[in-house]
Amino acid sequence: MKSWQSCCAALVTLCALACSSEDHEASSTTIGAELANGPGVPLAVCVRLPTLLGSQAAATTSVGGAFDMDVLALRHNVRISFPGALNAEDAARSLSLSQLRTGYTEMVLVNGSDGVDYDVLLRSGCRESSPGDS
């Protein structure tokens, strides 16, 4: 009987360690979206991925009425969209937690409704000076 209890205790401990390790990695993962050119520079958002199942974190920034930068972070992925942009569908991105952990960086061209082309830098992590760290 004791070997059965020892085996169950070891299994529970192992599962707890695996879950807490995953939660810690998610809680320290952030996504940054920065406007690299155009009026209103510097403009940035920073969102930390939540750890609780079903939780989400979000940030929205308006780029001078030309478009918005929306970042929605769930536990294991992030969606970045640009409502109001002429190429909103093409510019939108969906990133996995594993992509962010390995060091994601991409410059996305966003065609503003004001006729200006904007460069938006998406990357794992956030600069220390990025506003909106959630």
C-alpha atoms as a PDB file:
ATOM      1  CA  MET A   1       0.000   0.000   0.000  1.00  0.00           C
ATOM      2  CA  LYS A   2       2.862   2.392   0.785  1.00  0.00           C
ATOM      3  CA  SER A   3       4.428   1.952  -2.651  1.00  0.00           C
ATOM      4  CA  TRP A   4       1.094   2.920  -4.239  1.00  0.00           C
ATOM      5  CA  GLN A   5       0.890   6.074  -2.106  1.00  0.00           C
ATOM      6  CA  SER A   6       4.514   6.949  -2.866  1.00  0.00           C
ATOM      7  CA  CYS A   7       3.922   6.497  -6.571  1.00  0.00           C
ATOM      8  CA  CYS A   8       0.818   8.731  -6.493  1.00  0.00           C
ATOM      9  CA  ALA A   9       2.642  11.401  -4.478  1.00  0.00           C
ATOM     10  CA  ALA A  10       5.531  11.412  -6.931  1.00  0.00           C
ATOM     11  CA  LEU A  11       3.155  11.698  -9.885  1.00  0.00           C
ATOM     12  CA  VAL A  12       1.255  14.610  -8.303  1.00  0.00           C
ATOM     13  CA  THR A  13       4.530  16.399  -7.527  1.00  0.00           C
ATOM     14  CA  LEU A  14       5.782  15.908 -11.086  1.00  0.00           C
ATOM     15  CA  CYS A  15       2.534  17.277 -12.568  1.00  0.00           C
ATOM     16  CA  ALA A  16       2.611  20.295 -10.251  1.00  0.00           C
ATOM     17  CA  LEU A  17       6.184  21.108 -11.261  1.00  0.00           C
ATOM     18  CA  ALA A  18       5.357  20.832 -14.965  1.00  0.00           C
ATOM     19  CA  CYS A  19       2.327  23.102 -14.659  1.00  0.00           C
ATOM     20  CA  SER A  20       4.079  25.755 -12.577  1.00  0.00           C
ATOM     21  CA  SER A  21       7.040  25.831 -14.982  1.00  0.00           C
ATOM     22  CA  GLU A  22       4.712  26.419 -17.943  1.00  0.00           C
ATOM     23  CA  ASP A  23       2.850  29.152 -16.065  1.00  0.00           C
ATOM     24  CA  HIS A  24       6.092  30.924 -15.168  1.00  0.00           C
ATOM     25  CA  GLU A  25       7.274  30.899 -18.790  1.00  0.00           C
ATOM     26  CA  ALA A  26       3.968  32.305 -20.003  1.00  0.00           C
ATOM     27  CA  SER A  27       3.885  34.979 -17.294  1.00  0.00           C
ATOM     28  CA  SER A  28       7.304  36.272 -18.317  1.00  0.00           C
ATOM     29  CA  THR A  29       6.461  36.349 -22.045  1.00  0.00           C
ATOM     30  CA  THR A  30       5.598  39.708 -23.592  1.00  0.00           C
ATOM     31  CA  ILE A  31       4.831  41.031 -27.058  1.00  0.00           C
ATOM     32  CA  GLY A  32       5.705  44.534 -28.147  1.00  0.00           C
ATOM     33  CA  ALA A  33       4.252  46.462 -31.086  1.00  0.00           C
ATOM     34  CA  GLU A  34       6.018  49.714 -31.963  1.00  0.00           C
ATOM     35  CA  LEU A  35       5.302  52.286 -34.646  1.00  0.00           C
ATOM     36  CA  ALA A  36       8.632  52.747 -36.424  1.00  0.00           C
ATOM     37  CA  ASN A  37       7.756  55.724 -38.628  1.00  0.00           C
ATOM     38  CA  GLY A  38       5.070  58.304 -39.297  1.00  0.00           C
ATOM     39  CA  PRO A  39       3.339  60.939 -37.206  1.00  0.00           C
ATOM     40  CA  GLY A  40       3.091  60.200 -33.514  1.00  0.00           C
ATOM     41  CA  VAL A  41       6.402  58.315 -33.256  1.00  0.00           C
ATOM     42  CA  PRO A  42       7.296  56.945 -30.752  1.00  0.00           C
ATOM     43  CA  LEU A  43       4.156  54.963 -30.126  1.00  0.00           C
ATOM     44  CA  ALA A  44       4.201  51.483 -28.622  1.00  0.00           C
ATOM     45  CA  VAL A  45       2.178  48.878 -26.768  1.00  0.00           C
ATOM     46  CA  CYS A  46       3.449  46.084 -24.562  1.00  0.00           C
ATOM     47  CA  VAL A  47       1.338  43.150 -23.403  1.00  0.00           C
ATOM     48  CA  ARG A  48       2.283  40.312 -21.051  1.00  0.00           C
ATOM     49  CA  LEU A  49       0.687  36.931 -21.772  1.00  0.00           C
ATOM     50  CA  PRO A  50      -1.655  35.889 -18.948  1.00  0.00           C
ATOM     51  CA  THR A  51      -1.158  32.651 -17.048  1.00  0.00           C
ATOM     52  CA  LEU A  52      -4.652  31.749 -15.863  1.00  0.00           C
ATOM     53  CA  LEU A  53      -6.710  29.480 -18.082  1.00  0.00           C
ATOM     54  CA  GLY A  54      -9.317  31.566 -19.902  1.00  0.00           C
ATOM     55  CA  SER A  55      -7.625  34.878 -19.074  1.00  0.00           C
ATOM     56  CA  GLN A  56      -6.683  37.506 -21.609  1.00  0.00           C
ATOM     57  CA  ALA A  57      -4.763  40.768 -21.719  1.00  0.00           C
ATOM     58  CA  ALA A  58      -5.370  43.458 -24.305  1.00  0.00           C
ATOM     59  CA  ALA A  59      -4.099  46.835 -25.410  1.00  0.00           C
ATOM     60  CA  THR A  60      -5.298  49.223 -28.109  1.00  0.00           C
ATOM     61  CA  THR A  61      -3.541  52.301 -29.422  1.00  0.00           C
ATOM     62  CA  SER A  62      -4.837  54.678 -32.052  1.00  0.00           C
ATOM     63  CA  VAL A  63      -2.373  55.837 -34.693  1.00  0.00           C
ATOM     64  CA  GLY A  64      -3.597  59.338 -35.414  1.00  0.00           C
ATOM     65  CA  GLY A  65      -6.928  58.161 -36.795  1.00  0.00           C
ATOM     66  CA  ALA A  66      -5.196  56.227 -39.604  1.00  0.00           C
ATOM     67  CA  PHE A  67      -5.699  52.857 -37.884  1.00  0.00           C
ATOM     68  CA  ASP A  68      -5.599  51.201 -34.471  1.00  0.00           C
ATOM     69  CA  MET A  69      -3.068  48.685 -33.151  1.00  0.00           C
ATOM     70  CA  ASP A  70      -4.960  45.992 -31.201  1.00  0.00           C
ATOM     71  CA  VAL A  71      -3.038  43.353 -29.258  1.00  0.00           C
ATOM     72  CA  LEU A  72      -4.978  40.506 -27.666  1.00  0.00           C
ATOM     73  CA  ALA A  73      -2.910  38.058 -25.623  1.00  0.00           C
ATOM     74  CA  LEU A  74      -4.321  34.730 -24.516  1.00  0.00           C
ATOM     75  CA  ARG A  75      -2.496  32.105 -22.489  1.00  0.00           C
ATOM     76  CA  HIS A  76      -0.780  30.436 -25.459  1.00  0.00           C
ATOM     77  CA  ASN A  77      -1.064  32.899 -28.344  1.00  0.00           C
ATOM     78  CA  VAL A  78      -1.315  36.531 -29.350  1.00  0.00           C
ATOM     79  CA  ARG A  79      -3.399  38.200 -32.053  1.00  0.00           C
ATOM     80  CA  ILE A  80      -2.322  41.563 -33.442  1.00  0.00           C
ATOM     81  CA  SER A  81      -4.709  43.447 -35.705  1.00  0.00           C
ATOM     82  CA  PHE A  82      -4.894  46.855 -37.315  1.00  0.00           C
ATOM     83  CA  PRO A  83      -8.557  47.933 -37.575  1.00  0.00           C
ATOM     84  CA  GLY A  84      -9.052  50.871 -39.911  1.00  0.00           C
ATOM     85  CA  ALA A  85      -5.962  50.102 -42.024  1.00  0.00           C
ATOM     86  CA  LEU A  86      -6.476  49.634 -45.746  1.00  0.00           C
ATOM     87  CA  ASN A  87      -4.622  46.293 -45.579  1.00  0.00           C
ATOM     88  CA  ALA A  88      -5.932  45.247 -42.148  1.00  0.00           C
ATOM     89  CA  GLU A  89      -6.481  41.606 -43.157  1.00  0.00           C
ATOM     90  CA  ASP A  90      -2.992  41.165 -44.654  1.00  0.00           C
ATOM     91  CA  ALA A  91      -1.243  42.993 -41.805  1.00  0.00           C
ATOM     92  CA  ALA A  92      -2.903  41.022 -38.980  1.00  0.00           C
ATOM     93  CA  ARG A  93      -0.783  38.403 -37.229  1.00  0.00           C
ATOM     94  CA  SER A  94      -1.437  35.452 -34.941  1.00  0.00           C
ATOM     95  CA  LEU A  95       1.588  34.241 -32.986  1.00  0.00           C
ATOM     96  CA  SER A  96       2.063  31.211 -30.779  1.00  0.00           C
ATOM     97  CA  LEU A  97       3.716  31.192 -27.384  1.00  0.00           C
ATOM     98  CA  SER A  98       6.566  29.105 -28.820  1.00  0.00           C
ATOM     99  CA  GLN A  99       7.215  31.724 -31.543  1.00  0.00           C
ATOM    100  CA  LEU A 100       7.453  34.434 -28.892  1.00  0.00           C
ATOM    101  CA  ARG A 101       9.756  32.356 -26.680  1.00  0.00           C
ATOM    102  CA  THR A 102      12.223  31.795 -29.517  1.00  0.00           C
ATOM    103  CA  GLY A 103      12.604  35.488 -30.275  1.00  0.00           C
ATOM    104  CA  TYR A 104      10.056  36.663 -32.827  1.00  0.00           C
ATOM    105  CA  THR A 105      10.735  39.896 -34.761  1.00  0.00           C
ATOM    106  CA  GLU A 106       8.919  41.203 -37.827  1.00  0.00           C
ATOM    107  CA  MET A 107       8.427  44.584 -39.484  1.00  0.00           C
ATOM    108  CA  VAL A 108       4.851  44.813 -40.783  1.00  0.00           C
ATOM    109  CA  LEU A 109       3.779  47.334 -43.434  1.00  0.00           C
ATOM    110  CA  VAL A 110       0.429  48.885 -42.521  1.00  0.00           C
ATOM    111  CA  ASN A 111      -1.398  51.066 -45.058  1.00  0.00           C
ATOM    112  CA  GLY A 112      -3.131  53.766 -43.042  1.00  0.00           C
ATOM    113  CA  SER A 113      -6.506  55.137 -44.043  1.00  0.00           C
ATOM    114  CA  ASP A 114      -4.750  58.533 -44.350  1.00  0.00           C
ATOM    115  CA  GLY A 115      -2.752  57.239 -47.360  1.00  0.00           C
ATOM    116  CA  VAL A 116       0.502  56.926 -45.390  1.00  0.00           C
ATOM    117  CA  ASP A 117       2.438  53.642 -45.200  1.00  0.00           C
ATOM    118  CA  TYR A 118       3.490  52.835 -41.640  1.00  0.00           C
ATOM    119  CA  ASP A 119       6.106  50.343 -40.436  1.00  0.00           C
ATOM    120  CA  VAL A 120       5.123  48.514 -37.261  1.00  0.00           C
ATOM    121  CA  LEU A 121       7.764  46.478 -35.455  1.00  0.00           C
ATOM    122  CA  LEU A 122       6.384  43.357 -33.753  1.00  0.00           C
ATOM    123  CA  ARG A 123       8.718  41.514 -31.432  1.00  0.00           C
ATOM    124  CA  SER A 124       9.100  39.274 -28.443  1.00  0.00           C
ATOM    125  CA  GLY A 125       9.680  41.331 -25.357  1.00  0.00           C
ATOM    126  CA  CYS A 126       9.194  45.026 -24.812  1.00  0.00           C
ATOM    127  CA  ARG A 127      11.507  47.960 -24.489  1.00  0.00           C
ATOM    128  CA  GLU A 128      11.792  49.314 -20.962  1.00  0.00           C
ATOM    129  CA  SER A 129      10.248  52.604 -22.086  1.00  0.00           C
ATOM    130  CA  SER A 130       7.201  51.011 -23.786  1.00  0.00           C
ATOM    131  CA  PRO A 131       3.964  52.369 -22.350  1.00  0.00           C
ATOM    132  CA  GLY A 132       0.984  50.166 -21.631  1.00  0.00           C
ATOM    133  CA  ASP A 133       2.827  47.242 -20.023  1.00  0.00           C
ATOM    134  CA  SER A 134      -0.096  45.120 -18.861  1.00  0.00           C
END
